[in-house]
């Protein structure tokens, strides 16, 4: 079982940037697809971005495409979410997650049901 710890959240003005990190531990990281999700109070958790085991395949929600970049360093067991041109609507708690089924497809990278390990979340607040 992989354990995940997010960091890098904070407050930023609209148009600014933040980089979230997610440190993983456990053997299953090596065959886990990874994702970032976010949630605001009263709404369902939504997929932001996903990345395959190798890092070669990535997926993004339309709302963050061309602004956010997901990446992973398998040697260090860390995944990143670089967030640029931030908007107030990006305000949420951001969660890192692992899908420990190595058979997950590219299309399933954004399917929350495939993720079975979660971090505790980190708050991102974007002010206008």
N, C-alpha and C. Protein backbone atom coordinates (compact mmCIF):
# COMPACT_ATOMS: atom_id res chain seq x y z
N UNK A 1 0.85 -1.19 0.00
CA UNK A 1 0.00 0.00 0.00
C UNK A 1 0.89 1.25 0.00
N UNK A 2 0.56 2.20 -0.85
CA UNK A 2 1.33 3.42 -0.92
C UNK A 2 0.76 4.44 0.05
N UNK A 3 1.62 5.22 0.66
CA UNK A 3 1.21 6.34 1.52
C UNK A 3 1.62 7.63 0.82
N UNK A 4 0.76 8.64 0.93
CA UNK A 4 0.95 9.88 0.18
C UNK A 4 0.86 11.09 1.10
N UNK A 5 1.76 12.05 0.89
CA UNK A 5 1.75 13.29 1.66
C UNK A 5 1.93 14.46 0.71
N UNK A 6 0.92 15.33 0.66
CA UNK A 6 0.99 16.50 -0.20
C UNK A 6 1.63 17.68 0.53
N UNK A 7 2.19 18.59 -0.26
CA UNK A 7 2.72 19.84 0.27
C UNK A 7 2.71 20.87 -0.85
N UNK A 8 2.90 22.13 -0.47
CA UNK A 8 3.03 23.18 -1.46
C UNK A 8 1.81 24.06 -1.64
N UNK A 9 0.74 23.74 -0.93
CA UNK A 9 -0.44 24.58 -1.04
C UNK A 9 -0.21 25.93 -0.37
N UNK A 10 -1.15 26.84 -0.59
CA UNK A 10 -1.04 28.14 0.01
C UNK A 10 -1.99 29.12 -0.63
N UNK A 11 -1.74 30.40 -0.37
CA UNK A 11 -2.56 31.46 -0.92
C UNK A 11 -1.78 32.23 -1.97
N UNK A 12 -2.45 32.57 -3.05
CA UNK A 12 -1.81 33.27 -4.15
C UNK A 12 -2.85 34.15 -4.84
N UNK A 13 -2.39 35.20 -5.46
CA UNK A 13 -3.31 36.06 -6.20
C UNK A 13 -3.57 35.47 -7.59
N UNK A 14 -4.69 35.85 -8.15
CA UNK A 14 -5.05 35.40 -9.49
C UNK A 14 -3.93 35.74 -10.46
N UNK A 15 -3.64 34.78 -11.33
CA UNK A 15 -2.54 34.95 -12.27
C UNK A 15 -1.23 34.39 -11.78
N UNK A 16 -1.17 34.06 -10.51
CA UNK A 16 0.05 33.54 -9.93
C UNK A 16 0.22 32.05 -10.16
N UNK A 17 1.26 31.51 -9.55
CA UNK A 17 1.61 30.09 -9.75
C UNK A 17 1.93 29.42 -8.42
N UNK A 18 1.70 28.13 -8.37
CA UNK A 18 2.07 27.29 -7.24
C UNK A 18 2.51 25.94 -7.78
N UNK A 19 3.36 25.28 -7.02
CA UNK A 19 3.73 23.91 -7.36
C UNK A 19 3.39 23.02 -6.17
N UNK A 20 2.52 22.07 -6.39
CA UNK A 20 2.19 21.07 -5.37
C UNK A 20 3.10 19.86 -5.53
N UNK A 21 3.47 19.28 -4.42
CA UNK A 21 4.26 18.05 -4.43
C UNK A 21 3.52 16.98 -3.65
N UNK A 22 3.78 15.76 -4.03
CA UNK A 22 3.20 14.61 -3.34
C UNK A 22 4.29 13.57 -3.17
N UNK A 23 4.70 13.35 -1.93
CA UNK A 23 5.73 12.37 -1.64
C UNK A 23 5.08 11.03 -1.32
N UNK A 24 5.57 10.00 -1.97
CA UNK A 24 4.99 8.67 -1.81
C UNK A 24 5.96 7.73 -1.12
N UNK A 25 5.42 6.82 -0.40
CA UNK A 25 6.22 5.75 0.19
C UNK A 25 5.49 4.44 -0.02
N UNK A 26 6.25 3.36 -0.06
CA UNK A 26 5.64 2.06 -0.31
C UNK A 26 6.02 1.54 -1.68
N UNK A 27 6.08 0.24 -1.77
CA UNK A 27 6.57 -0.41 -2.99
C UNK A 27 5.63 -0.21 -4.17
N UNK A 28 4.34 -0.06 -3.91
CA UNK A 28 3.39 -0.02 -5.01
C UNK A 28 3.47 1.26 -5.83
N UNK A 29 4.21 2.26 -5.38
CA UNK A 29 4.33 3.49 -6.18
C UNK A 29 4.90 3.16 -7.54
N UNK A 30 5.79 2.22 -7.60
CA UNK A 30 6.46 1.88 -8.85
C UNK A 30 5.55 1.36 -9.94
N UNK A 31 4.36 0.91 -9.59
CA UNK A 31 3.41 0.45 -10.60
C UNK A 31 2.06 1.13 -10.47
N UNK A 32 2.06 2.31 -9.86
CA UNK A 32 0.82 3.07 -9.67
C UNK A 32 0.72 4.24 -10.63
N UNK A 33 -0.44 4.36 -11.27
CA UNK A 33 -0.76 5.61 -11.92
C UNK A 33 -1.11 6.60 -10.82
N UNK A 34 -0.87 7.87 -11.08
CA UNK A 34 -1.08 8.87 -10.05
C UNK A 34 -1.98 9.99 -10.55
N UNK A 35 -2.65 10.63 -9.63
CA UNK A 35 -3.54 11.70 -10.03
C UNK A 35 -3.64 12.80 -8.99
N UNK A 36 -4.09 13.94 -9.46
CA UNK A 36 -4.44 15.06 -8.58
C UNK A 36 -5.94 15.31 -8.72
N UNK A 37 -6.56 15.50 -7.59
CA UNK A 37 -7.99 15.79 -7.53
C UNK A 37 -8.19 17.02 -6.66
N UNK A 38 -9.35 17.62 -6.76
CA UNK A 38 -9.64 18.77 -5.90
C UNK A 38 -11.10 18.76 -5.49
N UNK A 39 -11.34 19.42 -4.37
CA UNK A 39 -12.69 19.45 -3.83
C UNK A 39 -12.94 20.76 -3.11
N UNK A 40 -14.12 21.31 -3.34
CA UNK A 40 -14.58 22.48 -2.61
C UNK A 40 -15.76 22.05 -1.77
N UNK A 41 -16.01 22.75 -0.67
CA UNK A 41 -17.12 22.36 0.21
C UNK A 41 -18.45 22.30 -0.54
N UNK A 42 -19.17 21.23 -0.33
CA UNK A 42 -20.48 21.08 -0.94
C UNK A 42 -20.48 20.51 -2.34
N UNK A 43 -19.29 20.24 -2.85
CA UNK A 43 -19.19 19.68 -4.20
C UNK A 43 -18.43 18.36 -4.17
N UNK A 44 -18.63 17.58 -5.21
CA UNK A 44 -17.92 16.32 -5.31
C UNK A 44 -16.45 16.56 -5.67
N UNK A 45 -15.64 15.61 -5.26
CA UNK A 45 -14.23 15.68 -5.61
C UNK A 45 -14.11 15.46 -7.13
N UNK A 46 -13.28 16.27 -7.77
CA UNK A 46 -13.15 16.18 -9.21
C UNK A 46 -11.70 15.93 -9.62
N UNK A 47 -11.55 15.28 -10.73
CA UNK A 47 -10.21 15.00 -11.26
C UNK A 47 -9.62 16.25 -11.88
N UNK A 48 -8.37 16.48 -11.59
CA UNK A 48 -7.64 17.60 -12.17
C UNK A 48 -6.67 17.10 -13.24
N UNK A 49 -5.91 16.07 -12.88
CA UNK A 49 -4.89 15.57 -13.80
C UNK A 49 -4.45 14.19 -13.38
N UNK A 50 -4.03 13.39 -14.35
CA UNK A 50 -3.52 12.06 -14.07
C UNK A 50 -2.28 11.78 -14.89
N UNK A 51 -1.45 10.87 -14.38
CA UNK A 51 -0.20 10.54 -15.07
C UNK A 51 0.04 9.05 -14.95
N UNK A 52 0.51 8.46 -16.03
CA UNK A 52 0.72 7.02 -16.06
C UNK A 52 1.96 6.62 -15.25
N UNK A 53 2.16 5.34 -15.11
CA UNK A 53 3.29 4.81 -14.34
C UNK A 53 4.62 5.34 -14.87
N UNK A 54 4.76 5.35 -16.17
CA UNK A 54 6.02 5.79 -16.77
C UNK A 54 6.14 7.31 -16.85
N UNK A 55 5.00 7.98 -16.77
CA UNK A 55 5.00 9.43 -16.93
C UNK A 55 4.80 9.87 -18.37
N UNK A 56 4.74 8.93 -19.28
CA UNK A 56 4.63 9.28 -20.69
C UNK A 56 3.22 9.74 -21.06
N UNK A 57 2.22 9.30 -20.33
CA UNK A 57 0.84 9.66 -20.64
C UNK A 57 0.27 10.53 -19.53
N UNK A 58 -0.33 11.64 -19.91
CA UNK A 58 -0.97 12.53 -18.96
C UNK A 58 -2.35 12.91 -19.45
N UNK A 59 -3.20 13.26 -18.52
CA UNK A 59 -4.55 13.71 -18.84
C UNK A 59 -4.85 14.94 -17.97
N UNK A 60 -5.68 15.82 -18.50
CA UNK A 60 -6.04 17.03 -17.77
C UNK A 60 -7.53 17.31 -17.92
N UNK A 61 -8.10 17.88 -16.86
CA UNK A 61 -9.45 18.39 -16.97
C UNK A 61 -9.43 19.59 -17.91
N UNK A 62 -10.51 19.79 -18.63
CA UNK A 62 -10.56 20.91 -19.57
C UNK A 62 -10.31 22.25 -18.87
N UNK A 63 -10.75 22.35 -17.64
CA UNK A 63 -10.65 23.62 -16.91
C UNK A 63 -9.22 23.99 -16.57
N UNK A 64 -8.30 23.03 -16.62
CA UNK A 64 -6.91 23.33 -16.25
C UNK A 64 -5.94 23.10 -17.40
N UNK A 65 -6.45 22.59 -18.50
CA UNK A 65 -5.58 22.30 -19.64
C UNK A 65 -4.86 23.57 -20.07
N UNK A 66 -3.61 23.43 -20.40
CA UNK A 66 -2.73 24.53 -20.83
C UNK A 66 -2.32 25.46 -19.69
N UNK A 67 -2.77 25.16 -18.47
CA UNK A 67 -2.34 25.96 -17.32
C UNK A 67 -1.60 25.12 -16.29
N UNK A 68 -1.99 23.87 -16.14
CA UNK A 68 -1.38 22.97 -15.15
C UNK A 68 -0.52 21.94 -15.85
N UNK A 69 0.52 21.51 -15.16
CA UNK A 69 1.40 20.46 -15.68
C UNK A 69 1.66 19.43 -14.59
N UNK A 70 1.37 18.18 -14.89
CA UNK A 70 1.65 17.10 -13.95
C UNK A 70 2.94 16.39 -14.37
N UNK A 71 3.70 15.97 -13.38
CA UNK A 71 4.93 15.23 -13.68
C UNK A 71 5.24 14.31 -12.51
N UNK A 72 6.15 13.39 -12.73
CA UNK A 72 6.54 12.48 -11.66
C UNK A 72 8.02 12.16 -11.75
N UNK A 73 8.61 11.97 -10.60
CA UNK A 73 10.00 11.55 -10.50
C UNK A 73 9.99 10.20 -9.80
N UNK A 74 10.08 9.14 -10.57
CA UNK A 74 9.94 7.80 -9.99
C UNK A 74 11.11 7.44 -9.09
N UNK A 75 12.26 7.98 -9.34
CA UNK A 75 13.42 7.69 -8.49
C UNK A 75 13.22 8.28 -7.10
N UNK A 76 12.63 9.47 -7.04
CA UNK A 76 12.40 10.13 -5.76
C UNK A 76 11.03 9.82 -5.18
N UNK A 77 10.18 9.16 -5.96
CA UNK A 77 8.81 8.85 -5.53
C UNK A 77 8.03 10.12 -5.21
N UNK A 78 8.06 11.05 -6.12
CA UNK A 78 7.35 12.32 -5.95
C UNK A 78 6.58 12.62 -7.23
N UNK A 79 5.37 13.13 -7.08
CA UNK A 79 4.67 13.69 -8.22
C UNK A 79 4.43 15.17 -7.95
N UNK A 80 4.31 15.91 -9.02
CA UNK A 80 4.17 17.36 -8.94
C UNK A 80 2.95 17.81 -9.72
N UNK A 81 2.42 18.93 -9.32
CA UNK A 81 1.41 19.62 -10.10
C UNK A 81 1.82 21.08 -10.14
N UNK A 82 2.29 21.50 -11.30
CA UNK A 82 2.64 22.89 -11.51
C UNK A 82 1.40 23.63 -11.97
N UNK A 83 1.00 24.63 -11.21
CA UNK A 83 -0.24 25.34 -11.50
C UNK A 83 0.10 26.78 -11.86
N UNK A 84 -0.23 27.16 -13.07
CA UNK A 84 0.04 28.50 -13.57
C UNK A 84 -1.26 29.23 -13.90
N UNK A 85 -1.14 30.53 -14.03
CA UNK A 85 -2.31 31.37 -14.37
C UNK A 85 -3.51 31.00 -13.50
N UNK A 86 -3.27 30.94 -12.23
CA UNK A 86 -4.32 30.50 -11.31
C UNK A 86 -5.49 31.46 -11.28
N UNK A 87 -6.65 30.89 -11.10
CA UNK A 87 -7.91 31.64 -11.08
C UNK A 87 -8.61 31.41 -9.74
N UNK A 88 -9.47 32.31 -9.33
CA UNK A 88 -10.20 32.10 -8.08
C UNK A 88 -10.96 30.77 -8.06
N UNK A 89 -11.45 30.34 -9.20
CA UNK A 89 -12.19 29.08 -9.26
C UNK A 89 -11.31 27.85 -9.08
N UNK A 90 -10.00 28.05 -9.04
CA UNK A 90 -9.10 26.94 -8.73
C UNK A 90 -8.98 26.70 -7.23
N UNK A 91 -9.57 27.59 -6.44
CA UNK A 91 -9.53 27.44 -4.99
C UNK A 91 -10.21 26.14 -4.57
N UNK A 92 -9.46 25.32 -3.82
CA UNK A 92 -9.97 24.01 -3.40
C UNK A 92 -8.93 23.34 -2.52
N UNK A 93 -9.33 22.23 -1.94
CA UNK A 93 -8.36 21.33 -1.32
C UNK A 93 -7.91 20.36 -2.41
N UNK A 94 -6.62 20.26 -2.59
CA UNK A 94 -6.06 19.40 -3.62
C UNK A 94 -5.53 18.11 -3.00
N UNK A 95 -5.90 17.00 -3.62
CA UNK A 95 -5.53 15.69 -3.12
C UNK A 95 -4.68 14.95 -4.15
N UNK A 96 -3.68 14.29 -3.65
CA UNK A 96 -2.88 13.38 -4.46
C UNK A 96 -3.46 11.97 -4.26
N UNK A 97 -3.45 11.18 -5.30
CA UNK A 97 -4.01 9.84 -5.20
C UNK A 97 -3.24 8.86 -6.07
N UNK A 98 -3.30 7.60 -5.68
CA UNK A 98 -2.64 6.53 -6.42
C UNK A 98 -3.65 5.48 -6.85
N UNK A 99 -3.50 5.05 -8.08
CA UNK A 99 -4.27 3.92 -8.60
C UNK A 99 -3.30 2.76 -8.71
N UNK A 100 -3.42 1.82 -7.79
CA UNK A 100 -2.40 0.78 -7.65
C UNK A 100 -2.62 -0.42 -8.56
N UNK A 101 -3.57 -0.31 -9.46
CA UNK A 101 -3.79 -1.33 -10.47
C UNK A 101 -3.00 -0.95 -11.70
N UNK A 102 -1.96 -1.69 -12.01
CA UNK A 102 -1.08 -1.33 -13.12
C UNK A 102 -1.78 -1.45 -14.47
N UNK A 103 -2.98 -2.02 -14.50
CA UNK A 103 -3.67 -2.19 -15.78
C UNK A 103 -4.51 -0.99 -16.17
N UNK A 104 -4.49 0.08 -15.41
CA UNK A 104 -5.31 1.25 -15.69
C UNK A 104 -4.94 1.83 -17.04
N UNK A 105 -5.96 2.21 -17.82
CA UNK A 105 -5.72 2.75 -19.15
C UNK A 105 -5.58 4.26 -19.10
N UNK A 106 -5.16 4.83 -20.21
CA UNK A 106 -5.00 6.27 -20.29
C UNK A 106 -6.34 6.98 -20.01
N UNK A 107 -7.39 6.42 -20.56
CA UNK A 107 -8.71 7.03 -20.38
C UNK A 107 -9.16 6.99 -18.92
N UNK A 108 -8.67 6.01 -18.18
CA UNK A 108 -9.07 5.84 -16.79
C UNK A 108 -8.26 6.68 -15.81
N UNK A 109 -7.28 7.39 -16.30
CA UNK A 109 -6.46 8.23 -15.43
C UNK A 109 -7.29 9.30 -14.72
N UNK A 110 -8.41 9.67 -15.29
CA UNK A 110 -9.26 10.70 -14.70
C UNK A 110 -10.50 10.13 -14.00
N UNK A 111 -10.50 8.81 -13.84
CA UNK A 111 -11.64 8.14 -13.21
C UNK A 111 -11.36 7.97 -11.73
N UNK A 112 -12.04 8.71 -10.90
CA UNK A 112 -11.78 8.69 -9.45
C UNK A 112 -11.97 7.29 -8.85
N UNK A 113 -12.80 6.48 -9.50
CA UNK A 113 -13.08 5.14 -8.96
C UNK A 113 -11.87 4.21 -9.04
N UNK A 114 -10.91 4.58 -9.85
CA UNK A 114 -9.72 3.75 -10.01
C UNK A 114 -8.66 4.02 -8.94
N UNK A 115 -8.85 5.06 -8.16
CA UNK A 115 -7.83 5.47 -7.19
C UNK A 115 -8.16 4.92 -5.81
N UNK A 116 -7.18 4.29 -5.20
CA UNK A 116 -7.44 3.58 -3.95
C UNK A 116 -6.52 3.97 -2.81
N UNK A 117 -5.72 4.99 -3.01
CA UNK A 117 -4.90 5.52 -1.92
C UNK A 117 -4.89 7.03 -2.04
N UNK A 118 -5.04 7.73 -0.92
CA UNK A 118 -5.22 9.18 -0.94
C UNK A 118 -4.35 9.85 0.10
N UNK A 119 -3.89 11.05 -0.25
CA UNK A 119 -3.23 11.89 0.72
C UNK A 119 -4.24 12.65 1.55
N UNK A 120 -3.74 13.48 2.44
CA UNK A 120 -4.62 14.20 3.36
C UNK A 120 -5.14 15.50 2.78
N UNK A 121 -4.55 15.94 1.68
CA UNK A 121 -5.00 17.16 1.01
C UNK A 121 -4.20 18.38 1.42
N UNK A 122 -4.15 19.35 0.52
CA UNK A 122 -3.50 20.62 0.80
C UNK A 122 -4.36 21.74 0.21
N UNK A 123 -4.54 22.79 0.97
CA UNK A 123 -5.44 23.88 0.57
C UNK A 123 -4.73 24.83 -0.40
N UNK A 124 -5.43 25.15 -1.46
CA UNK A 124 -4.99 26.18 -2.41
C UNK A 124 -6.07 27.25 -2.45
N UNK A 125 -5.67 28.49 -2.20
CA UNK A 125 -6.61 29.60 -2.21
C UNK A 125 -6.11 30.66 -3.18
N UNK A 126 -6.95 31.00 -4.15
CA UNK A 126 -6.59 32.00 -5.15
C UNK A 126 -7.53 33.19 -4.97
N UNK A 127 -6.96 34.34 -4.72
CA UNK A 127 -7.76 35.55 -4.50
C UNK A 127 -7.75 36.42 -5.76
N UNK A 128 -8.85 37.11 -5.95
CA UNK A 128 -8.98 37.95 -7.15
C UNK A 128 -8.41 39.34 -6.90
